[in-house]
N, C-alpha and C. Protein backbone atom coordinates (compact mmCIF):
# COMPACT_ATOMS: atom_id res chain seq x y z
N MET A 1 168.04 80.43 126.44
CA MET A 1 166.65 80.26 126.10
C MET A 1 165.94 79.44 127.14
N ARG A 2 166.65 78.31 127.57
CA ARG A 2 166.05 77.48 128.59
C ARG A 2 165.81 78.26 129.86
N SER A 3 166.72 79.11 130.24
CA SER A 3 166.56 79.87 131.48
C SER A 3 165.42 80.86 131.34
N ALA A 4 165.22 81.43 130.17
CA ALA A 4 164.10 82.35 129.96
C ALA A 4 162.77 81.62 130.07
N VAL A 5 162.69 80.41 129.51
CA VAL A 5 161.48 79.61 129.61
C VAL A 5 161.25 79.22 131.06
N ALA A 6 162.30 78.85 131.77
CA ALA A 6 162.17 78.47 133.18
C ALA A 6 161.66 79.64 134.01
N VAL A 7 162.14 80.84 133.72
CA VAL A 7 161.68 82.03 134.46
C VAL A 7 160.20 82.27 134.18
N VAL A 8 159.80 82.17 132.93
CA VAL A 8 158.39 82.39 132.56
C VAL A 8 157.51 81.34 133.22
N VAL A 9 157.95 80.07 133.22
CA VAL A 9 157.17 79.00 133.85
C VAL A 9 157.09 79.24 135.35
N ALA A 10 158.19 79.59 135.97
CA ALA A 10 158.20 79.85 137.41
C ALA A 10 157.28 81.02 137.76
N LEU A 11 157.34 82.05 136.94
CA LEU A 11 156.48 83.22 137.16
C LEU A 11 155.01 82.83 137.02
N ALA A 12 154.69 82.05 136.01
CA ALA A 12 153.30 81.62 135.80
C ALA A 12 152.81 80.75 136.95
N VAL A 13 153.67 79.85 137.44
CA VAL A 13 153.29 78.99 138.56
C VAL A 13 153.07 79.82 139.80
N SER A 14 153.94 80.79 140.05
CA SER A 14 153.77 81.59 141.27
C SER A 14 152.52 82.46 141.18
N ILE A 15 152.20 82.98 140.00
CA ILE A 15 150.97 83.77 139.84
C ILE A 15 149.75 82.88 140.06
N ALA A 16 149.78 81.69 139.48
CA ALA A 16 148.66 80.76 139.64
C ALA A 16 148.50 80.35 141.09
N ALA A 17 149.61 80.10 141.77
CA ALA A 17 149.54 79.71 143.18
C ALA A 17 148.99 80.85 144.02
N GLY A 18 149.41 82.06 143.72
CA GLY A 18 148.90 83.22 144.45
C GLY A 18 147.41 83.41 144.22
N ALA A 19 146.96 83.17 143.02
CA ALA A 19 145.54 83.33 142.71
C ALA A 19 144.70 82.32 143.46
N CYS A 20 145.26 81.15 143.73
CA CYS A 20 144.51 80.13 144.46
C CYS A 20 144.30 80.51 145.91
N HIS A 21 145.17 81.33 146.47
CA HIS A 21 145.07 81.68 147.88
C HIS A 21 144.37 83.00 148.13
N ARG A 22 144.14 83.78 147.09
CA ARG A 22 143.44 85.04 147.25
C ARG A 22 141.95 84.81 147.15
N PRO A 23 141.17 85.55 147.93
CA PRO A 23 139.72 85.42 147.74
C PRO A 23 139.36 85.94 146.36
N PRO A 24 138.38 85.32 145.74
CA PRO A 24 138.00 85.77 144.40
C PRO A 24 137.48 87.20 144.45
N GLU A 25 137.79 87.94 143.40
CA GLU A 25 137.29 89.31 143.32
C GLU A 25 135.81 89.27 142.97
N THR A 26 135.09 90.24 143.49
CA THR A 26 133.66 90.34 143.20
C THR A 26 133.49 90.99 141.84
N PRO A 27 132.77 90.33 140.94
CA PRO A 27 132.54 90.97 139.64
C PRO A 27 131.82 92.30 139.85
N PRO A 28 132.11 93.30 139.01
CA PRO A 28 131.48 94.62 139.19
C PRO A 28 129.96 94.56 139.24
N GLU A 29 129.34 93.67 138.43
CA GLU A 29 127.87 93.59 138.44
C GLU A 29 127.36 93.12 139.79
N ALA A 30 128.05 92.17 140.40
CA ALA A 30 127.63 91.64 141.71
C ALA A 30 127.80 92.70 142.78
N ALA A 31 128.86 93.49 142.69
CA ALA A 31 129.07 94.56 143.68
C ALA A 31 127.94 95.57 143.60
N VAL A 32 127.56 95.94 142.38
CA VAL A 32 126.47 96.90 142.21
C VAL A 32 125.17 96.29 142.72
N SER A 33 124.94 95.01 142.39
CA SER A 33 123.71 94.35 142.81
C SER A 33 123.60 94.28 144.33
N SER A 34 124.68 93.90 145.01
CA SER A 34 124.59 93.79 146.46
C SER A 34 124.47 95.15 147.11
N SER A 35 125.11 96.18 146.55
CA SER A 35 124.96 97.51 147.14
C SER A 35 123.56 98.05 146.87
N SER A 36 122.99 97.71 145.71
CA SER A 36 121.61 98.13 145.44
C SER A 36 120.65 97.45 146.39
N ALA A 37 120.90 96.16 146.67
CA ALA A 37 120.02 95.44 147.59
C ALA A 37 120.10 96.06 148.97
N ALA A 38 121.31 96.43 149.39
CA ALA A 38 121.45 97.05 150.71
C ALA A 38 120.76 98.40 150.75
N ALA A 39 120.87 99.15 149.64
CA ALA A 39 120.25 100.47 149.60
C ALA A 39 118.75 100.37 149.39
N ASN A 40 118.26 99.24 148.93
CA ASN A 40 116.85 99.08 148.60
C ASN A 40 116.08 98.44 149.75
N THR A 41 116.37 98.88 150.95
CA THR A 41 115.60 98.45 152.11
C THR A 41 115.12 99.70 152.83
N GLY A 42 114.02 99.57 153.49
CA GLY A 42 113.48 100.71 154.20
C GLY A 42 114.04 100.81 155.61
N SER A 43 114.10 102.02 156.09
CA SER A 43 114.49 102.25 157.48
C SER A 43 113.33 101.81 158.38
N PRO A 44 113.56 101.71 159.68
CA PRO A 44 112.44 101.38 160.58
C PRO A 44 111.28 102.36 160.44
N VAL A 45 111.57 103.63 160.20
CA VAL A 45 110.51 104.63 160.01
C VAL A 45 109.71 104.32 158.75
N ASP A 46 110.42 104.00 157.66
CA ASP A 46 109.75 103.67 156.39
C ASP A 46 108.87 102.44 156.53
N ILE A 47 109.40 101.41 157.17
CA ILE A 47 108.66 100.16 157.34
C ILE A 47 107.43 100.38 158.22
N ALA A 48 107.60 101.11 159.32
CA ALA A 48 106.46 101.39 160.21
C ALA A 48 105.39 102.18 159.47
N PHE A 49 105.80 103.15 158.66
CA PHE A 49 104.84 103.94 157.89
C PHE A 49 104.01 103.03 156.99
N LEU A 50 104.67 102.19 156.22
CA LEU A 50 103.94 101.33 155.29
C LEU A 50 103.08 100.30 156.01
N GLU A 51 103.60 99.73 157.08
CA GLU A 51 102.79 98.76 157.84
C GLU A 51 101.55 99.43 158.43
N ASN A 52 101.71 100.63 158.96
CA ASN A 52 100.57 101.35 159.51
C ASN A 52 99.59 101.75 158.42
N MET A 53 100.10 102.09 157.25
CA MET A 53 99.21 102.44 156.14
C MET A 53 98.42 101.22 155.68
N VAL A 54 98.99 100.04 155.76
CA VAL A 54 98.24 98.83 155.41
C VAL A 54 97.03 98.70 156.33
N VAL A 55 97.25 98.81 157.63
CA VAL A 55 96.15 98.71 158.60
C VAL A 55 95.14 99.84 158.37
N HIS A 56 95.64 101.03 158.14
CA HIS A 56 94.79 102.21 157.93
C HIS A 56 93.92 102.03 156.69
N HIS A 57 94.51 101.57 155.60
CA HIS A 57 93.76 101.37 154.36
C HIS A 57 92.75 100.23 154.49
N GLN A 58 93.10 99.21 155.24
CA GLN A 58 92.14 98.12 155.45
C GLN A 58 90.89 98.65 156.15
N GLN A 59 91.08 99.56 157.13
CA GLN A 59 89.90 100.13 157.78
C GLN A 59 89.14 101.04 156.83
N ALA A 60 89.83 101.78 155.98
CA ALA A 60 89.14 102.62 155.01
C ALA A 60 88.24 101.77 154.11
N LEU A 61 88.74 100.61 153.71
CA LEU A 61 87.92 99.71 152.89
C LEU A 61 86.73 99.17 153.68
N GLU A 62 86.93 98.94 154.96
CA GLU A 62 85.82 98.53 155.82
C GLU A 62 84.76 99.64 155.87
N LEU A 63 85.22 100.88 155.96
CA LEU A 63 84.29 102.02 156.01
C LEU A 63 83.55 102.19 154.69
N THR A 64 84.25 102.09 153.57
CA THR A 64 83.58 102.29 152.29
C THR A 64 82.59 101.17 152.00
N ALA A 65 82.84 99.99 152.53
CA ALA A 65 81.91 98.86 152.33
C ALA A 65 80.58 99.10 153.02
N LEU A 66 80.55 99.98 154.02
CA LEU A 66 79.30 100.27 154.74
C LEU A 66 78.34 101.14 153.93
N VAL A 67 78.84 101.89 152.99
CA VAL A 67 78.04 102.92 152.32
C VAL A 67 76.91 102.34 151.49
N GLY A 68 77.19 101.29 150.72
CA GLY A 68 76.21 100.75 149.78
C GLY A 68 74.84 100.45 150.35
N GLY A 69 74.74 99.88 151.49
CA GLY A 69 73.45 99.51 152.05
C GLY A 69 72.86 100.55 152.99
N ARG A 70 73.55 101.67 153.18
CA ARG A 70 73.09 102.63 154.20
C ARG A 70 72.84 104.03 153.66
N SER A 71 73.43 104.37 152.54
CA SER A 71 73.25 105.71 151.99
C SER A 71 72.42 105.63 150.71
N THR A 72 71.60 106.65 150.51
CA THR A 72 70.84 106.74 149.26
C THR A 72 71.33 107.91 148.41
N ASP A 73 72.37 108.59 148.87
CA ASP A 73 72.92 109.75 148.17
C ASP A 73 73.84 109.27 147.04
N PRO A 74 73.46 109.51 145.78
CA PRO A 74 74.29 109.04 144.66
C PRO A 74 75.70 109.62 144.68
N ALA A 75 75.84 110.87 145.12
CA ALA A 75 77.18 111.48 145.18
C ALA A 75 78.05 110.78 146.21
N LEU A 76 77.46 110.41 147.34
CA LEU A 76 78.23 109.72 148.38
C LEU A 76 78.58 108.30 147.92
N LEU A 77 77.65 107.65 147.26
CA LEU A 77 77.93 106.31 146.73
C LEU A 77 79.08 106.36 145.72
N ALA A 78 79.07 107.37 144.85
CA ALA A 78 80.14 107.52 143.86
C ALA A 78 81.48 107.81 144.54
N LEU A 79 81.45 108.67 145.55
CA LEU A 79 82.67 108.99 146.28
C LEU A 79 83.22 107.76 146.99
N ALA A 80 82.34 106.99 147.61
CA ALA A 80 82.78 105.77 148.30
C ALA A 80 83.43 104.80 147.31
N ASN A 81 82.86 104.68 146.12
CA ASN A 81 83.45 103.81 145.09
C ASN A 81 84.83 104.33 144.66
N GLN A 82 84.94 105.64 144.52
CA GLN A 82 86.21 106.26 144.15
C GLN A 82 87.27 106.00 145.24
N ILE A 83 86.87 106.20 146.49
CA ILE A 83 87.80 105.98 147.61
C ILE A 83 88.19 104.51 147.68
N THR A 84 87.24 103.61 147.46
CA THR A 84 87.54 102.18 147.48
C THR A 84 88.62 101.85 146.46
N ALA A 85 88.44 102.31 145.24
CA ALA A 85 89.42 102.02 144.18
C ALA A 85 90.79 102.58 144.53
N GLN A 86 90.81 103.82 145.03
CA GLN A 86 92.08 104.45 145.38
C GLN A 86 92.77 103.73 146.54
N GLN A 87 91.99 103.40 147.56
CA GLN A 87 92.55 102.72 148.74
C GLN A 87 93.10 101.35 148.37
N GLN A 88 92.40 100.63 147.50
CA GLN A 88 92.89 99.31 147.08
C GLN A 88 94.22 99.43 146.36
N THR A 89 94.33 100.42 145.48
CA THR A 89 95.58 100.64 144.75
C THR A 89 96.72 101.00 145.70
N GLU A 90 96.45 101.93 146.62
CA GLU A 90 97.48 102.34 147.58
C GLU A 90 97.86 101.19 148.51
N LEU A 91 96.88 100.42 148.94
CA LEU A 91 97.14 99.27 149.81
C LEU A 91 98.07 98.28 149.11
N GLN A 92 97.77 97.99 147.86
CA GLN A 92 98.62 97.06 147.10
C GLN A 92 100.03 97.61 146.94
N GLY A 93 100.15 98.93 146.75
CA GLY A 93 101.48 99.55 146.63
C GLY A 93 102.28 99.42 147.92
N CYS A 94 101.62 99.67 149.05
CA CYS A 94 102.30 99.54 150.35
C CYS A 94 102.73 98.09 150.59
N GLN A 95 101.83 97.16 150.32
CA GLN A 95 102.16 95.75 150.53
C GLN A 95 103.28 95.29 149.60
N ALA A 96 103.26 95.76 148.36
CA ALA A 96 104.30 95.37 147.40
C ALA A 96 105.67 95.89 147.84
N GLN A 97 105.71 97.12 148.34
CA GLN A 97 106.98 97.68 148.80
C GLN A 97 107.51 96.92 150.01
N LEU A 98 106.64 96.59 150.94
CA LEU A 98 107.06 95.81 152.11
C LEU A 98 107.58 94.44 151.68
N LEU A 99 106.91 93.83 150.71
CA LEU A 99 107.34 92.53 150.20
C LEU A 99 108.70 92.64 149.51
N GLN A 100 108.88 93.69 148.74
CA GLN A 100 110.16 93.89 148.06
C GLN A 100 111.30 94.04 149.08
N TRP A 101 111.02 94.70 150.17
CA TRP A 101 112.03 94.87 151.23
C TRP A 101 112.16 93.63 152.10
N GLU A 102 111.27 92.67 151.91
CA GLU A 102 111.22 91.48 152.76
C GLU A 102 111.09 91.88 154.23
N ALA A 103 110.27 92.92 154.45
CA ALA A 103 110.04 93.42 155.81
C ALA A 103 109.19 92.42 156.57
N PRO A 104 109.55 92.13 157.80
CA PRO A 104 108.72 91.22 158.59
C PRO A 104 107.36 91.84 158.83
N SER A 105 106.32 91.05 158.73
CA SER A 105 104.98 91.60 158.93
C SER A 105 104.62 91.60 160.41
N GLY A 106 103.64 92.41 160.73
CA GLY A 106 103.14 92.43 162.10
C GLY A 106 103.86 93.38 163.02
N GLY A 107 104.73 94.24 162.49
CA GLY A 107 105.46 95.15 163.35
C GLY A 107 104.75 96.47 163.57
N HIS A 108 103.55 96.61 163.02
CA HIS A 108 102.84 97.88 163.15
C HIS A 108 102.30 98.08 164.55
N HIS A 109 101.94 99.32 164.83
CA HIS A 109 101.36 99.65 166.13
C HIS A 109 99.94 99.11 166.23
N ALA A 110 99.41 99.12 167.43
CA ALA A 110 98.01 98.77 167.62
C ALA A 110 97.17 99.77 166.84
N ALA A 111 96.06 99.31 166.29
CA ALA A 111 95.22 100.17 165.46
C ALA A 111 94.85 101.46 166.17
N ALA A 112 94.63 101.41 167.47
CA ALA A 112 94.24 102.61 168.22
C ALA A 112 95.35 103.65 168.23
N ASP A 113 96.60 103.23 168.03
CA ASP A 113 97.73 104.15 168.03
C ASP A 113 97.98 104.79 166.67
N ILE A 114 97.28 104.36 165.66
CA ILE A 114 97.49 104.87 164.30
C ILE A 114 96.59 106.08 164.10
N PRO A 115 97.17 107.22 163.69
CA PRO A 115 96.36 108.44 163.52
C PRO A 115 95.18 108.24 162.58
N GLY A 116 94.03 108.77 163.00
CA GLY A 116 92.84 108.77 162.17
C GLY A 116 91.99 107.52 162.21
N MET A 117 92.42 106.51 162.93
CA MET A 117 91.62 105.28 162.97
C MET A 117 90.29 105.54 163.67
N VAL A 118 89.24 105.01 163.08
CA VAL A 118 87.89 105.16 163.63
C VAL A 118 87.72 104.10 164.72
N ASP A 119 87.25 104.54 165.88
CA ASP A 119 87.10 103.60 167.00
C ASP A 119 85.92 102.66 166.77
N ARG A 120 85.93 101.55 167.48
CA ARG A 120 84.89 100.52 167.32
C ARG A 120 83.49 101.06 167.63
N ALA A 121 83.37 101.93 168.62
CA ALA A 121 82.05 102.47 168.96
C ALA A 121 81.46 103.24 167.78
N THR A 122 82.29 104.03 167.10
CA THR A 122 81.81 104.78 165.93
C THR A 122 81.46 103.83 164.79
N LEU A 123 82.28 102.81 164.59
CA LEU A 123 81.96 101.82 163.56
C LEU A 123 80.63 101.15 163.84
N ASP A 124 80.39 100.81 165.10
CA ASP A 124 79.11 100.19 165.48
C ASP A 124 77.95 101.15 165.24
N ARG A 125 78.13 102.42 165.56
CA ARG A 125 77.07 103.41 165.31
C ARG A 125 76.79 103.53 163.82
N LEU A 126 77.85 103.56 163.02
CA LEU A 126 77.67 103.63 161.57
C LEU A 126 76.86 102.45 161.05
N ARG A 127 77.13 101.27 161.57
CA ARG A 127 76.41 100.07 161.13
C ARG A 127 74.92 100.15 161.45
N GLY A 128 74.56 100.92 162.47
CA GLY A 128 73.16 101.03 162.86
C GLY A 128 72.41 102.19 162.23
N LEU A 129 73.09 103.04 161.49
CA LEU A 129 72.45 104.22 160.89
C LEU A 129 72.11 104.00 159.42
N ARG A 130 71.16 104.81 158.94
CA ARG A 130 70.75 104.83 157.53
C ARG A 130 70.48 106.26 157.12
N GLY A 131 70.54 106.50 155.81
CA GLY A 131 70.16 107.80 155.28
C GLY A 131 71.09 108.94 155.68
N PRO A 132 70.54 110.16 155.80
CA PRO A 132 71.36 111.34 156.08
C PRO A 132 72.16 111.24 157.39
N ALA A 133 71.62 110.58 158.40
CA ALA A 133 72.37 110.43 159.66
C ALA A 133 73.63 109.60 159.43
N PHE A 134 73.49 108.54 158.64
CA PHE A 134 74.66 107.74 158.29
C PHE A 134 75.64 108.58 157.47
N ASP A 135 75.12 109.26 156.45
CA ASP A 135 75.98 110.05 155.56
C ASP A 135 76.83 111.04 156.35
N LYS A 136 76.20 111.74 157.29
CA LYS A 136 76.92 112.76 158.07
C LYS A 136 78.02 112.13 158.91
N LEU A 137 77.70 111.09 159.67
CA LEU A 137 78.71 110.46 160.52
C LEU A 137 79.80 109.80 159.68
N TRP A 138 79.42 109.21 158.56
CA TRP A 138 80.41 108.56 157.70
C TRP A 138 81.38 109.59 157.14
N LEU A 139 80.86 110.70 156.64
CA LEU A 139 81.73 111.75 156.10
C LEU A 139 82.66 112.31 157.18
N GLN A 140 82.11 112.58 158.35
CA GLN A 140 82.94 113.09 159.45
C GLN A 140 84.04 112.09 159.81
N SER A 141 83.66 110.83 159.88
CA SER A 141 84.64 109.79 160.24
C SER A 141 85.71 109.62 159.17
N MET A 142 85.30 109.61 157.92
CA MET A 142 86.26 109.41 156.83
C MET A 142 87.18 110.62 156.66
N ILE A 143 86.66 111.81 156.92
CA ILE A 143 87.52 113.01 156.87
C ILE A 143 88.63 112.89 157.91
N GLU A 144 88.26 112.52 159.13
CA GLU A 144 89.27 112.36 160.18
C GLU A 144 90.23 111.22 159.85
N HIS A 145 89.70 110.17 159.26
CA HIS A 145 90.52 109.03 158.86
C HIS A 145 91.57 109.48 157.84
N HIS A 146 91.14 110.24 156.85
CA HIS A 146 92.06 110.75 155.83
C HIS A 146 93.07 111.72 156.44
N ARG A 147 92.63 112.56 157.36
CA ARG A 147 93.56 113.49 158.02
C ARG A 147 94.66 112.71 158.74
N GLY A 148 94.29 111.61 159.36
CA GLY A 148 95.29 110.77 160.02
C GLY A 148 96.30 110.22 159.02
N ALA A 149 95.82 109.81 157.85
CA ALA A 149 96.73 109.31 156.81
C ALA A 149 97.68 110.40 156.35
N ILE A 150 97.16 111.61 156.21
CA ILE A 150 98.00 112.73 155.79
C ILE A 150 99.05 113.04 156.85
N THR A 151 98.66 112.97 158.12
CA THR A 151 99.63 113.18 159.20
C THR A 151 100.76 112.16 159.11
N MET A 152 100.40 110.89 158.92
CA MET A 152 101.43 109.85 158.80
C MET A 152 102.30 110.08 157.57
N ALA A 153 101.67 110.50 156.47
CA ALA A 153 102.43 110.76 155.24
C ALA A 153 103.43 111.89 155.44
N HIS A 154 102.99 112.97 156.10
CA HIS A 154 103.90 114.09 156.36
C HIS A 154 105.06 113.66 157.26
N ASN A 155 104.78 112.82 158.24
CA ASN A 155 105.85 112.30 159.10
C ASN A 155 106.85 111.48 158.29
N GLU A 156 106.35 110.68 157.37
CA GLU A 156 107.23 109.88 156.51
C GLU A 156 108.07 110.79 155.62
N ILE A 157 107.45 111.80 155.04
CA ILE A 157 108.17 112.73 154.17
C ILE A 157 109.30 113.40 154.95
N GLN A 158 109.02 113.76 156.18
CA GLN A 158 110.01 114.45 157.02
C GLN A 158 111.09 113.50 157.55
N ASP A 159 110.70 112.31 158.01
CA ASP A 159 111.63 111.44 158.74
C ASP A 159 112.06 110.19 157.98
N GLY A 160 111.37 109.86 156.90
CA GLY A 160 111.69 108.64 156.17
C GLY A 160 113.00 108.76 155.41
N GLN A 161 113.52 107.62 154.99
CA GLN A 161 114.78 107.59 154.25
C GLN A 161 114.64 106.95 152.88
N SER A 162 113.62 106.15 152.68
CA SER A 162 113.45 105.45 151.42
C SER A 162 112.76 106.35 150.40
N PRO A 163 113.39 106.57 149.25
CA PRO A 163 112.73 107.36 148.21
C PRO A 163 111.38 106.75 147.79
N GLU A 164 111.30 105.41 147.79
CA GLU A 164 110.04 104.76 147.41
C GLU A 164 108.94 105.07 148.41
N ALA A 165 109.23 104.93 149.70
CA ALA A 165 108.21 105.19 150.73
C ALA A 165 107.84 106.67 150.77
N ILE A 166 108.81 107.54 150.58
CA ILE A 166 108.53 108.98 150.57
C ILE A 166 107.65 109.33 149.38
N SER A 167 107.91 108.72 148.24
CA SER A 167 107.07 108.95 147.06
C SER A 167 105.63 108.48 147.29
N ILE A 168 105.48 107.32 147.92
CA ILE A 168 104.15 106.83 148.27
C ILE A 168 103.46 107.83 149.19
N ALA A 169 104.19 108.34 150.18
CA ALA A 169 103.62 109.30 151.13
C ALA A 169 103.19 110.59 150.44
N GLN A 170 104.01 111.08 149.52
CA GLN A 170 103.67 112.32 148.82
C GLN A 170 102.41 112.15 147.97
N SER A 171 102.34 111.06 147.23
CA SER A 171 101.16 110.80 146.40
C SER A 171 99.91 110.62 147.25
N LEU A 172 100.06 109.86 148.31
CA LEU A 172 98.94 109.58 149.21
C LEU A 172 98.40 110.87 149.82
N ALA A 173 99.28 111.73 150.32
CA ALA A 173 98.85 112.98 150.95
C ALA A 173 98.10 113.86 149.96
N ALA A 174 98.59 113.96 148.74
CA ALA A 174 97.93 114.79 147.74
C ALA A 174 96.55 114.25 147.38
N ARG A 175 96.46 112.94 147.14
CA ARG A 175 95.17 112.35 146.76
C ARG A 175 94.15 112.42 147.90
N GLN A 176 94.62 112.16 149.11
CA GLN A 176 93.66 112.15 150.21
C GLN A 176 93.19 113.57 150.55
N GLN A 177 94.02 114.58 150.30
CA GLN A 177 93.56 115.95 150.52
C GLN A 177 92.45 116.30 149.52
N ILE A 178 92.59 115.85 148.30
CA ILE A 178 91.54 116.07 147.29
C ILE A 178 90.24 115.41 147.75
N GLU A 179 90.33 114.20 148.28
CA GLU A 179 89.13 113.51 148.76
C GLU A 179 88.55 114.19 149.99
N ILE A 180 89.39 114.73 150.87
CA ILE A 180 88.88 115.49 152.02
C ILE A 180 88.08 116.69 151.53
N ASP A 181 88.60 117.39 150.53
CA ASP A 181 87.89 118.54 149.98
C ASP A 181 86.53 118.13 149.42
N GLN A 182 86.48 117.00 148.72
CA GLN A 182 85.21 116.50 148.19
C GLN A 182 84.25 116.15 149.33
N MET A 183 84.76 115.50 150.36
CA MET A 183 83.90 115.11 151.48
C MET A 183 83.39 116.33 152.25
N ASN A 184 84.23 117.34 152.40
CA ASN A 184 83.78 118.57 153.07
C ASN A 184 82.67 119.25 152.27
N GLN A 185 82.76 119.23 150.95
CA GLN A 185 81.69 119.79 150.12
C GLN A 185 80.40 119.01 150.33
N GLN A 186 80.48 117.70 150.33
CA GLN A 186 79.28 116.89 150.53
C GLN A 186 78.71 117.08 151.92
N LEU A 187 79.59 117.19 152.91
CA LEU A 187 79.13 117.41 154.28
C LEU A 187 78.41 118.75 154.40
N GLY A 188 78.93 119.76 153.72
CA GLY A 188 78.30 121.08 153.73
C GLY A 188 76.94 121.09 153.05
N ALA A 189 76.73 120.16 152.13
CA ALA A 189 75.46 120.10 151.39
C ALA A 189 74.38 119.34 152.15
N LEU A 190 74.72 118.67 153.24
CA LEU A 190 73.71 117.89 154.00
C LEU A 190 72.79 118.80 154.79
């Protein structure tokens, strides 16, 4: 009996000693959490897309802010308000995704390199116009601006890796195409 107890004690001591020298096993929840964190980051393409969309949407908001004091067309004023609301929502979504990924800010391209960006000379001309002349140039500029966003969205859909960023790109492309159609109708009515 004593020898059986001694064997059990020796076995228990050796197991305990071995456990002290082995690295602790990762609990299954922690393994899933760390693999989810690794999978929940954007590729450089995804991050560049969202960073560029932040800059792009900020300019869209700058453009929509010009409409109130320069256009007298109620349909254009309503459209500008609609675009403002949509752009603010999309901008917040892009910023939230970048924050979730803890992506470093400031990695985007120069504004001139982003498709659809309205150049400073056109922005200055818009600031100096009123009435139908403003409406026409604003619609033309915003249509091109939206087309640039759609181009970037299609590139993300094709080359991106993050399901979240691709989903943002798909939604953005669909909504902005609807707005382009509305703007083309208004442009045709001028």
